């Protein structure tokens, strides 16, 4: 499958190919930094979505982060972009590297660590009331 790799160290977005048979293993390796579980925190209007390390804030020594102007928080660490079909299966991505490079905001290691510290030390609590009507 055609995909994009967002590399926060080199501040690049490049075209790559991912083998559907080894999908998860390749995603973990391409994200790097000990990734062993991923999530899709952002989806685009064209059906593409970002695959990022779901536990990136738990890792130390993250080398960078990135975000787009309309986001409220950065993605910490490298990421992959793939397309999604109507059934939720991964397909070739539609986004081009140049589309993202025009708008991406890169954060260095210090920015990643600062965000990590603030996020891990926040007092944000969600209260679920099982008796709510």
N, C-alpha and C. Protein backbone atom coordinates (compact mmCIF):
# COMPACT_ATOMS: atom_id res chain seq x y z
N UNK A 1 0.85 -1.19 0.00
CA UNK A 1 0.00 0.00 0.00
C UNK A 1 0.88 1.24 0.00
N UNK A 2 0.45 2.25 -0.73
CA UNK A 2 1.15 3.53 -0.71
C UNK A 2 0.84 4.24 0.60
N UNK A 3 1.88 4.75 1.23
CA UNK A 3 1.73 5.45 2.50
C UNK A 3 2.71 6.61 2.55
N UNK A 4 2.60 7.43 3.58
CA UNK A 4 3.56 8.49 3.85
C UNK A 4 4.18 8.25 5.21
N UNK A 5 5.47 8.53 5.32
CA UNK A 5 6.13 8.49 6.62
C UNK A 5 6.48 9.91 7.02
N UNK A 6 6.07 10.28 8.21
CA UNK A 6 6.41 11.58 8.78
C UNK A 6 7.56 11.34 9.75
N UNK A 7 8.71 11.88 9.43
CA UNK A 7 9.95 11.68 10.20
C UNK A 7 10.25 12.97 10.95
N UNK A 8 10.10 12.95 12.28
CA UNK A 8 10.25 14.17 13.07
C UNK A 8 11.71 14.56 13.29
N UNK A 9 12.64 13.61 13.14
CA UNK A 9 14.06 13.94 13.30
C UNK A 9 14.56 14.71 12.08
N UNK A 10 14.27 14.17 10.90
CA UNK A 10 14.74 14.80 9.66
C UNK A 10 13.77 15.83 9.11
N UNK A 11 12.61 15.96 9.76
CA UNK A 11 11.56 16.90 9.33
C UNK A 11 11.20 16.68 7.86
N UNK A 12 10.91 15.41 7.55
CA UNK A 12 10.55 15.04 6.18
C UNK A 12 9.25 14.26 6.15
N UNK A 13 8.61 14.30 5.00
CA UNK A 13 7.43 13.50 4.73
C UNK A 13 7.70 12.81 3.40
N UNK A 14 7.80 11.48 3.43
CA UNK A 14 8.20 10.75 2.23
C UNK A 14 7.20 9.66 1.88
N UNK A 15 7.13 9.36 0.58
CA UNK A 15 6.33 8.25 0.09
C UNK A 15 7.02 6.94 0.45
N UNK A 16 6.24 5.98 0.96
CA UNK A 16 6.75 4.65 1.26
C UNK A 16 5.70 3.63 0.83
N UNK A 17 6.06 2.37 0.86
CA UNK A 17 5.13 1.28 0.61
C UNK A 17 5.08 0.38 1.84
N UNK A 18 3.89 -0.08 2.18
CA UNK A 18 3.70 -0.98 3.32
C UNK A 18 3.07 -2.26 2.81
N UNK A 19 3.63 -3.39 3.22
CA UNK A 19 3.14 -4.71 2.85
C UNK A 19 1.92 -5.04 3.70
N UNK A 20 0.80 -5.34 3.07
CA UNK A 20 -0.44 -5.61 3.81
C UNK A 20 -0.32 -6.85 4.71
N UNK A 21 0.49 -7.85 4.30
CA UNK A 21 0.63 -9.07 5.11
C UNK A 21 1.36 -8.82 6.43
N UNK A 22 2.29 -7.86 6.44
CA UNK A 22 3.06 -7.55 7.65
C UNK A 22 2.70 -6.16 8.19
N UNK A 23 1.47 -5.78 7.99
CA UNK A 23 0.99 -4.43 8.27
C UNK A 23 1.42 -3.92 9.65
N UNK A 24 1.00 -4.59 10.71
CA UNK A 24 1.29 -4.09 12.07
C UNK A 24 2.78 -4.03 12.34
N UNK A 25 3.50 -5.07 11.99
CA UNK A 25 4.94 -5.10 12.23
C UNK A 25 5.64 -3.94 11.53
N UNK A 26 5.26 -3.69 10.29
CA UNK A 26 5.87 -2.59 9.55
C UNK A 26 5.54 -1.24 10.17
N UNK A 27 4.29 -1.06 10.59
CA UNK A 27 3.91 0.21 11.23
C UNK A 27 4.75 0.43 12.48
N UNK A 28 4.88 -0.58 13.34
CA UNK A 28 5.69 -0.44 14.55
C UNK A 28 7.12 -0.04 14.21
N UNK A 29 7.72 -0.73 13.25
CA UNK A 29 9.11 -0.45 12.87
C UNK A 29 9.27 0.94 12.27
N UNK A 30 8.34 1.34 11.42
CA UNK A 30 8.44 2.65 10.78
C UNK A 30 8.24 3.80 11.76
N UNK A 31 7.36 3.63 12.73
CA UNK A 31 7.19 4.66 13.75
C UNK A 31 8.43 4.69 14.65
N UNK A 32 8.95 3.51 14.99
CA UNK A 32 10.18 3.44 15.78
C UNK A 32 10.01 3.80 17.24
N UNK A 33 11.12 4.04 17.91
CA UNK A 33 11.18 4.43 19.32
C UNK A 33 10.45 3.46 20.25
N UNK A 34 10.51 2.19 19.92
CA UNK A 34 9.90 1.18 20.79
C UNK A 34 8.40 1.06 20.65
N UNK A 35 7.83 1.57 19.59
CA UNK A 35 6.37 1.51 19.39
C UNK A 35 5.92 0.05 19.34
N UNK A 36 4.92 -0.28 20.16
CA UNK A 36 4.33 -1.62 20.11
C UNK A 36 2.80 -1.58 20.15
N UNK A 37 2.25 -0.38 20.06
CA UNK A 37 0.81 -0.22 19.92
C UNK A 37 0.57 1.12 19.23
N UNK A 38 -0.33 1.14 18.27
CA UNK A 38 -0.57 2.39 17.57
C UNK A 38 -2.05 2.74 17.60
N UNK A 39 -2.32 4.00 17.30
CA UNK A 39 -3.69 4.51 17.25
C UNK A 39 -3.80 5.40 16.02
N UNK A 40 -5.00 5.81 15.72
CA UNK A 40 -5.25 6.72 14.59
C UNK A 40 -5.94 7.97 15.14
N UNK A 41 -5.15 8.90 15.69
CA UNK A 41 -5.76 10.06 16.37
C UNK A 41 -6.30 11.14 15.44
N UNK A 42 -5.92 11.11 14.16
CA UNK A 42 -6.36 12.15 13.24
C UNK A 42 -6.78 11.51 11.92
N UNK A 43 -7.95 11.92 11.43
CA UNK A 43 -8.33 11.49 10.09
C UNK A 43 -8.61 12.73 9.25
N UNK A 44 -8.34 12.59 7.97
CA UNK A 44 -8.49 13.69 7.04
C UNK A 44 -9.80 13.53 6.26
N UNK A 45 -10.26 14.61 5.68
CA UNK A 45 -11.50 14.60 4.91
C UNK A 45 -11.44 13.64 3.74
N UNK A 46 -10.25 13.37 3.21
CA UNK A 46 -10.12 12.48 2.05
C UNK A 46 -10.09 11.00 2.42
N UNK A 47 -10.26 10.68 3.72
CA UNK A 47 -10.27 9.29 4.17
C UNK A 47 -8.93 8.80 4.68
N UNK A 48 -7.87 9.58 4.52
CA UNK A 48 -6.57 9.19 5.08
C UNK A 48 -6.58 9.38 6.58
N UNK A 49 -5.74 8.62 7.26
CA UNK A 49 -5.60 8.80 8.69
C UNK A 49 -4.14 8.62 9.11
N UNK A 50 -3.82 9.21 10.25
CA UNK A 50 -2.47 9.15 10.79
C UNK A 50 -2.39 8.00 11.78
N UNK A 51 -1.36 7.18 11.61
CA UNK A 51 -1.05 6.12 12.56
C UNK A 51 0.12 6.61 13.41
N UNK A 52 -0.08 6.67 14.72
CA UNK A 52 0.94 7.17 15.62
C UNK A 52 1.08 6.22 16.81
N UNK A 53 2.19 6.33 17.52
CA UNK A 53 2.44 5.52 18.70
C UNK A 53 1.44 5.91 19.79
N UNK A 54 0.61 4.97 20.19
CA UNK A 54 -0.41 5.24 21.20
C UNK A 54 0.19 5.52 22.57
N UNK A 55 1.42 5.10 22.78
CA UNK A 55 2.08 5.29 24.08
C UNK A 55 3.28 6.22 23.98
N UNK A 56 3.28 7.10 22.98
CA UNK A 56 4.44 7.96 22.75
C UNK A 56 4.80 8.82 23.96
N UNK A 57 3.81 9.24 24.73
CA UNK A 57 4.11 10.08 25.89
C UNK A 57 4.72 9.30 27.04
N UNK A 58 4.69 7.98 26.96
CA UNK A 58 5.30 7.16 28.01
C UNK A 58 6.77 6.87 27.73
N UNK A 59 7.20 7.11 26.49
CA UNK A 59 8.60 6.89 26.11
C UNK A 59 9.43 8.12 26.42
N UNK A 60 10.66 7.90 26.79
CA UNK A 60 11.59 9.01 26.96
C UNK A 60 12.42 9.13 25.70
N UNK A 61 13.08 10.24 25.55
CA UNK A 61 13.98 10.49 24.42
C UNK A 61 13.27 10.54 23.08
N UNK A 62 12.08 11.09 23.02
CA UNK A 62 11.42 11.33 21.74
C UNK A 62 12.13 12.50 21.07
N UNK A 63 12.44 12.34 19.82
CA UNK A 63 13.27 13.31 19.12
C UNK A 63 12.51 14.45 18.47
N UNK A 64 11.20 14.45 18.53
CA UNK A 64 10.46 15.54 17.92
C UNK A 64 8.97 15.27 17.87
N UNK A 65 8.25 16.26 17.34
CA UNK A 65 6.80 16.16 17.22
C UNK A 65 6.38 17.01 16.02
N UNK A 66 5.11 16.94 15.69
CA UNK A 66 4.59 17.74 14.59
C UNK A 66 3.11 17.98 14.80
N UNK A 67 2.60 19.00 14.13
CA UNK A 67 1.17 19.26 14.16
C UNK A 67 0.79 20.11 12.96
N UNK A 68 -0.50 20.20 12.73
CA UNK A 68 -1.04 21.10 11.72
C UNK A 68 -1.72 22.26 12.43
N UNK A 69 -1.85 23.41 11.78
CA UNK A 69 -2.38 24.60 12.45
C UNK A 69 -3.75 24.42 13.11
N UNK A 70 -4.60 23.57 12.56
CA UNK A 70 -5.95 23.41 13.13
C UNK A 70 -6.02 22.44 14.30
N UNK A 71 -4.90 21.78 14.63
CA UNK A 71 -4.88 20.82 15.74
C UNK A 71 -4.68 21.54 17.07
N UNK A 72 -5.16 20.90 18.15
CA UNK A 72 -4.97 21.45 19.49
C UNK A 72 -3.76 20.86 20.21
N UNK A 73 -3.17 19.82 19.67
CA UNK A 73 -2.03 19.17 20.31
C UNK A 73 -1.16 18.52 19.25
N UNK A 74 0.12 18.30 19.56
CA UNK A 74 1.01 17.67 18.58
C UNK A 74 0.94 16.16 18.62
N UNK A 75 1.42 15.54 17.55
CA UNK A 75 1.68 14.10 17.53
C UNK A 75 3.15 13.97 17.90
N UNK A 76 3.44 13.21 18.94
CA UNK A 76 4.81 13.05 19.41
C UNK A 76 5.42 11.83 18.77
N UNK A 77 6.56 12.02 18.11
CA UNK A 77 7.25 10.93 17.43
C UNK A 77 6.84 10.83 15.97
N UNK A 78 7.43 9.85 15.29
CA UNK A 78 7.15 9.61 13.87
C UNK A 78 5.72 9.10 13.69
N UNK A 79 5.24 9.19 12.46
CA UNK A 79 3.88 8.71 12.16
C UNK A 79 3.81 8.24 10.72
N UNK A 80 2.75 7.50 10.42
CA UNK A 80 2.48 6.98 9.09
C UNK A 80 1.09 7.46 8.68
N UNK A 81 0.90 7.76 7.40
CA UNK A 81 -0.42 8.10 6.89
C UNK A 81 -0.82 7.05 5.86
N UNK A 82 -2.00 6.49 6.06
CA UNK A 82 -2.60 5.53 5.13
C UNK A 82 -4.03 5.95 4.84
N UNK A 83 -4.58 5.45 3.75
CA UNK A 83 -5.98 5.69 3.44
C UNK A 83 -6.85 4.68 4.15
N UNK A 84 -8.14 4.95 4.16
CA UNK A 84 -9.11 4.05 4.77
C UNK A 84 -10.32 3.95 3.84
N UNK A 85 -10.80 2.71 3.64
CA UNK A 85 -11.98 2.56 2.79
C UNK A 85 -13.25 2.63 3.63
N UNK A 86 -14.39 2.44 3.00
CA UNK A 86 -15.68 2.55 3.69
C UNK A 86 -15.87 1.52 4.78
N UNK A 87 -15.12 0.44 4.74
CA UNK A 87 -15.24 -0.62 5.74
C UNK A 87 -14.19 -0.51 6.84
N UNK A 88 -13.34 0.53 6.77
CA UNK A 88 -12.33 0.72 7.79
C UNK A 88 -11.00 0.04 7.51
N UNK A 89 -10.88 -0.60 6.34
CA UNK A 89 -9.63 -1.25 5.99
C UNK A 89 -8.64 -0.23 5.43
N UNK A 90 -7.36 -0.50 5.65
CA UNK A 90 -6.32 0.39 5.14
C UNK A 90 -6.14 0.21 3.64
N UNK A 91 -5.96 1.33 2.96
CA UNK A 91 -5.73 1.35 1.51
C UNK A 91 -4.65 2.40 1.23
N UNK A 92 -4.31 2.57 -0.05
CA UNK A 92 -3.35 3.59 -0.45
C UNK A 92 -3.78 4.96 0.06
N UNK A 93 -2.82 5.75 0.53
CA UNK A 93 -3.16 7.10 0.98
C UNK A 93 -3.30 8.03 -0.22
N UNK A 94 -4.09 9.06 -0.04
CA UNK A 94 -4.36 10.03 -1.10
C UNK A 94 -3.57 11.32 -0.90
N UNK A 95 -3.17 11.59 0.32
CA UNK A 95 -2.46 12.82 0.64
C UNK A 95 -1.06 12.79 0.03
N UNK A 96 -0.61 13.92 -0.48
CA UNK A 96 0.74 14.00 -1.02
C UNK A 96 1.66 14.66 0.00
N UNK A 97 2.96 14.34 -0.06
CA UNK A 97 3.90 14.96 0.88
C UNK A 97 3.87 16.48 0.79
N UNK A 98 3.75 17.02 -0.40
CA UNK A 98 3.78 18.48 -0.56
C UNK A 98 2.57 19.14 0.12
N UNK A 99 1.41 18.47 0.11
CA UNK A 99 0.22 19.01 0.79
C UNK A 99 0.49 19.23 2.28
N UNK A 100 1.14 18.25 2.91
CA UNK A 100 1.41 18.36 4.34
C UNK A 100 2.56 19.31 4.63
N UNK A 101 3.62 19.24 3.82
CA UNK A 101 4.80 20.07 4.08
C UNK A 101 4.47 21.56 4.05
N UNK A 102 3.46 21.94 3.28
CA UNK A 102 3.05 23.36 3.23
C UNK A 102 2.59 23.87 4.59
N UNK A 103 2.00 22.99 5.39
CA UNK A 103 1.35 23.43 6.63
C UNK A 103 1.91 22.85 7.92
N UNK A 104 2.71 21.80 7.84
CA UNK A 104 3.16 21.14 9.05
C UNK A 104 4.01 22.07 9.91
N UNK A 105 3.83 21.96 11.21
CA UNK A 105 4.62 22.70 12.19
C UNK A 105 5.48 21.66 12.92
N UNK A 106 6.78 21.78 12.82
CA UNK A 106 7.69 20.82 13.43
C UNK A 106 8.07 21.27 14.83
N UNK A 107 8.16 20.32 15.74
CA UNK A 107 8.66 20.58 17.08
C UNK A 107 9.90 19.75 17.32
N UNK A 108 10.89 20.32 17.95
CA UNK A 108 12.14 19.60 18.22
C UNK A 108 12.03 18.75 19.49
N UNK A 109 13.12 18.17 19.90
CA UNK A 109 13.15 17.31 21.08
C UNK A 109 12.67 18.06 22.33
N UNK A 110 13.10 19.29 22.48
CA UNK A 110 12.71 20.08 23.66
C UNK A 110 11.20 20.33 23.68
N UNK A 111 10.63 20.63 22.52
CA UNK A 111 9.17 20.85 22.44
C UNK A 111 8.42 19.57 22.79
N UNK A 112 8.94 18.42 22.31
CA UNK A 112 8.31 17.13 22.61
C UNK A 112 8.35 16.83 24.09
N UNK A 113 9.50 17.07 24.71
CA UNK A 113 9.64 16.81 26.14
C UNK A 113 8.75 17.74 26.96
N UNK A 114 8.67 18.99 26.55
CA UNK A 114 7.81 19.95 27.26
C UNK A 114 6.35 19.52 27.19
N UNK A 115 5.90 19.15 25.99
CA UNK A 115 4.52 18.69 25.84
C UNK A 115 4.28 17.41 26.65
N UNK A 116 5.24 16.50 26.60
CA UNK A 116 5.14 15.23 27.33
C UNK A 116 4.97 15.49 28.83
N UNK A 117 5.81 16.36 29.38
CA UNK A 117 5.74 16.68 30.81
C UNK A 117 4.40 17.29 31.19
N UNK A 118 3.94 18.25 30.40
CA UNK A 118 2.66 18.90 30.69
C UNK A 118 1.50 17.91 30.60
N UNK A 119 1.51 17.06 29.58
CA UNK A 119 0.42 16.10 29.39
C UNK A 119 0.41 15.06 30.51
N UNK A 120 1.57 14.57 30.90
CA UNK A 120 1.62 13.54 31.94
C UNK A 120 1.33 14.10 33.33
N UNK A 121 1.55 15.39 33.52
CA UNK A 121 1.34 15.99 34.83
C UNK A 121 0.06 16.80 34.94
N UNK A 122 -0.79 16.74 33.92
CA UNK A 122 -2.03 17.51 33.97
C UNK A 122 -3.00 16.84 34.94
N UNK A 123 -3.88 17.62 35.45
CA UNK A 123 -4.88 17.12 36.40
C UNK A 123 -6.22 16.91 35.74
N UNK A 124 -6.21 16.72 34.43
CA UNK A 124 -7.45 16.54 33.69
C UNK A 124 -8.09 15.21 34.07
N UNK A 125 -9.33 15.26 34.52
CA UNK A 125 -10.04 14.07 34.97
C UNK A 125 -11.40 14.01 34.29
N UNK A 126 -11.78 12.84 33.83
CA UNK A 126 -13.10 12.64 33.26
C UNK A 126 -13.92 11.86 34.27
N UNK A 127 -15.09 12.36 34.63
CA UNK A 127 -15.95 11.70 35.59
C UNK A 127 -17.10 11.05 34.83
N UNK A 128 -17.17 9.73 34.85
CA UNK A 128 -18.24 9.00 34.20
C UNK A 128 -19.30 8.67 35.24
N UNK A 129 -20.50 9.13 35.01
CA UNK A 129 -21.60 8.86 35.91
C UNK A 129 -22.48 7.79 35.28
N UNK A 130 -22.39 6.57 35.79
CA UNK A 130 -23.15 5.45 35.24
C UNK A 130 -24.65 5.59 35.47
N UNK A 131 -25.05 6.47 36.35
CA UNK A 131 -26.48 6.62 36.64
C UNK A 131 -27.11 7.78 35.89
N UNK A 132 -26.35 8.40 35.01
CA UNK A 132 -26.88 9.56 34.26
C UNK A 132 -27.99 9.08 33.32
N UNK A 133 -28.99 9.94 33.15
CA UNK A 133 -30.11 9.60 32.26
C UNK A 133 -29.97 10.28 30.94
